[in-house]
Amino acid sequence: MRVIISIAYLLLAVPIAVSAQGTSAPAPIVFFDLASPKVEELKAFYADLFGWRSDATGQLALPITAPLPSAFRQDPSEKRIYIGVADVAKKLDEIKSRGGTIDVPRFEVPGVAVLGLFKDPAGNAMGLVEMQNGKPMVP
């Protein structure tokens, strides 16, 4: 049986705007799941590295950037959630020491952001964004 951590990433409090013509805003993202056959290990990984503490049912309430920047891109099919951190290289070292794997070490996308890509111990693809003063650092 696949155990799921349901991240209570509920945006239901965000009203859906309706224009005068009766058309609604784009559909919101309302939550995401991180799955693992070893859910307690996954909970500990995210709590230790990012301070994501869940309740007894696995639900989390996390801060988000709104609107949530997203993109379609031409790469192999996958999804990644990007987490803001102060130092991408340091966090990738911590991730590796706690059983995660590094897909791409710290790299800069000029004019966009500083990133790093990893997989958690369950194989979920994730990313890091280097933050400075509450905003992505732009090289």
Protein backbone atom coordinates (compact mmCIF):
# COMPACT_ATOMS: atom_id res chain seq x y z
CA MET A 1 0.00 0.00 0.00
CA ARG A 2 1.36 3.37 -0.95
CA VAL A 3 1.36 5.81 1.93
CA ILE A 4 0.86 9.45 1.11
CA ILE A 5 1.79 12.57 3.00
CA SER A 6 -0.94 15.00 2.04
CA ILE A 7 0.53 18.44 2.12
CA ALA A 8 -2.32 20.69 3.18
CA TYR A 9 -1.36 23.21 0.63
CA LEU A 10 -4.97 24.26 0.39
CA LEU A 11 -5.58 27.46 -1.41
CA LEU A 12 -9.30 27.30 -0.77
CA ALA A 13 -9.05 30.55 1.18
CA VAL A 14 -8.00 32.26 -2.06
CA PRO A 15 -11.20 33.49 -3.70
CA ILE A 16 -11.74 32.61 -7.34
CA ALA A 17 -12.32 35.85 -9.19
CA VAL A 18 -15.24 36.05 -11.59
CA SER A 19 -15.24 38.75 -14.26
CA ALA A 20 -18.24 40.74 -15.44
CA GLN A 21 -18.60 38.29 -18.39
CA GLY A 22 -18.98 35.37 -15.96
CA THR A 23 -15.64 33.70 -16.74
CA SER A 24 -13.60 32.44 -13.83
CA ALA A 25 -9.91 32.74 -13.07
CA PRO A 26 -7.61 29.79 -13.85
CA ALA A 27 -8.13 26.72 -11.67
CA PRO A 28 -6.02 26.98 -8.48
CA ILE A 29 -3.57 24.38 -7.20
CA VAL A 30 -5.20 23.19 -3.98
CA PHE A 31 -2.67 20.68 -2.57
CA PHE A 32 0.18 18.33 -3.40
CA ASP A 33 1.27 14.93 -2.06
CA LEU A 34 4.69 13.48 -1.36
CA ALA A 35 4.56 9.69 -1.36
CA SER A 36 6.79 7.00 0.11
CA PRO A 37 6.47 3.41 1.30
CA LYS A 38 8.46 4.66 4.37
CA VAL A 39 6.32 7.66 5.32
CA GLU A 40 7.90 8.22 8.77
CA GLU A 41 11.35 8.43 7.16
CA LEU A 42 10.05 10.95 4.61
CA LYS A 43 8.37 13.03 7.31
CA ALA A 44 11.66 13.17 9.25
CA PHE A 45 13.63 14.12 6.10
CA TYR A 46 11.44 17.17 5.38
CA ALA A 47 11.10 18.16 9.06
CA ASP A 48 14.88 18.06 9.61
CA LEU A 49 15.85 19.83 6.39
CA PHE A 50 13.02 22.35 5.86
CA GLY A 51 11.09 22.54 9.14
CA TRP A 52 7.99 20.95 7.56
CA ARG A 53 6.21 19.47 10.58
CA SER A 54 3.03 17.49 10.00
CA ASP A 55 0.18 16.61 12.30
CA ALA A 56 -0.70 13.03 13.24
CA THR A 57 -2.50 12.51 9.90
CA GLY A 58 0.45 13.73 7.80
CA GLN A 59 -1.15 17.09 6.96
CA LEU A 60 1.06 20.18 6.69
CA ALA A 61 0.39 23.88 6.40
CA LEU A 62 3.21 25.57 4.46
CA PRO A 63 3.88 29.14 3.44
CA ILE A 64 3.64 29.72 -0.32
CA THR A 65 4.51 32.37 -2.83
CA ALA A 66 1.35 33.75 -4.40
CA PRO A 67 0.77 33.73 -7.21
CA LEU A 68 2.77 30.53 -7.48
CA PRO A 69 5.23 30.91 -10.38
CA SER A 70 5.03 27.88 -12.69
CA ALA A 71 6.18 26.94 -16.18
CA PHE A 72 5.70 24.46 -18.99
CA ARG A 73 9.05 23.41 -20.43
CA GLN A 74 10.41 21.02 -23.00
CA ASP A 75 12.26 18.45 -20.90
CA PRO A 76 11.63 14.85 -19.87
CA SER A 77 8.22 14.52 -18.21
CA GLU A 78 8.24 15.16 -14.47
CA LYS A 79 7.06 17.59 -11.86
CA ARG A 80 9.19 19.35 -9.28
CA ILE A 81 8.32 21.44 -6.30
CA TYR A 82 10.89 24.15 -5.61
CA ILE A 83 11.74 25.08 -2.01
CA GLY A 84 13.31 28.42 -1.07
CA VAL A 85 16.53 28.21 0.97
CA ALA A 86 19.29 30.62 1.98
CA ASP A 87 22.17 28.56 0.51
CA VAL A 88 21.51 25.96 -2.22
CA ALA A 89 24.98 24.33 -2.06
CA LYS A 90 24.85 23.93 1.74
CA LYS A 91 21.30 22.52 1.64
CA LEU A 92 22.24 20.03 -1.10
CA ASP A 93 25.08 18.77 1.14
CA GLU A 94 22.58 18.31 3.99
CA ILE A 95 20.15 16.53 1.65
CA LYS A 96 22.85 14.09 0.54
CA SER A 97 23.88 13.41 4.15
CA ARG A 98 20.26 12.50 5.01
CA GLY A 99 19.74 10.01 2.18
CA GLY A 100 18.66 12.23 -0.70
CA THR A 101 20.43 12.25 -4.08
CA ILE A 102 21.64 15.25 -6.05
CA ASP A 103 20.35 15.47 -9.63
CA VAL A 104 22.02 18.79 -10.48
CA PRO A 105 24.33 20.70 -8.10
CA ARG A 106 23.92 24.44 -7.53
CA PHE A 107 23.69 26.32 -10.83
CA GLU A 108 22.79 29.81 -11.95
CA VAL A 109 20.27 30.76 -14.60
CA PRO A 110 21.38 34.34 -15.43
CA GLY A 111 18.61 36.85 -14.92
CA VAL A 112 16.31 34.19 -13.40
CA ALA A 113 17.47 32.33 -10.26
CA VAL A 114 20.04 30.14 -8.51
CA LEU A 115 18.83 26.52 -8.40
CA GLY A 116 19.72 22.99 -7.34
CA LEU A 117 17.85 19.75 -8.10
CA PHE A 118 17.53 16.66 -5.90
CA LYS A 119 15.46 13.59 -5.10
CA ASP A 120 14.31 12.81 -1.57
CA PRO A 121 14.95 9.31 -0.13
CA ALA A 122 11.69 8.07 -1.72
CA GLY A 123 12.71 9.34 -5.17
CA ASN A 124 10.41 12.39 -5.33
CA ALA A 125 12.00 15.00 -7.62
CA MET A 126 12.39 18.37 -5.89
CA GLY A 127 14.26 21.61 -6.45
CA LEU A 128 15.83 24.40 -4.44
CA VAL A 129 15.79 28.15 -5.13
CA GLU A 130 18.33 30.36 -3.39
CA MET A 131 16.52 33.15 -1.56
CA GLN A 132 17.77 36.53 -0.40
CA ASN A 133 15.60 38.94 1.61
CA GLY A 134 12.52 36.81 0.95
CA LYS A 135 12.94 36.78 -2.84
CA PRO A 136 14.72 34.48 -5.30
CA MET A 137 18.33 35.55 -5.78
CA VAL A 138 18.80 36.66 -9.39
CA PRO A 139 22.39 36.27 -10.68
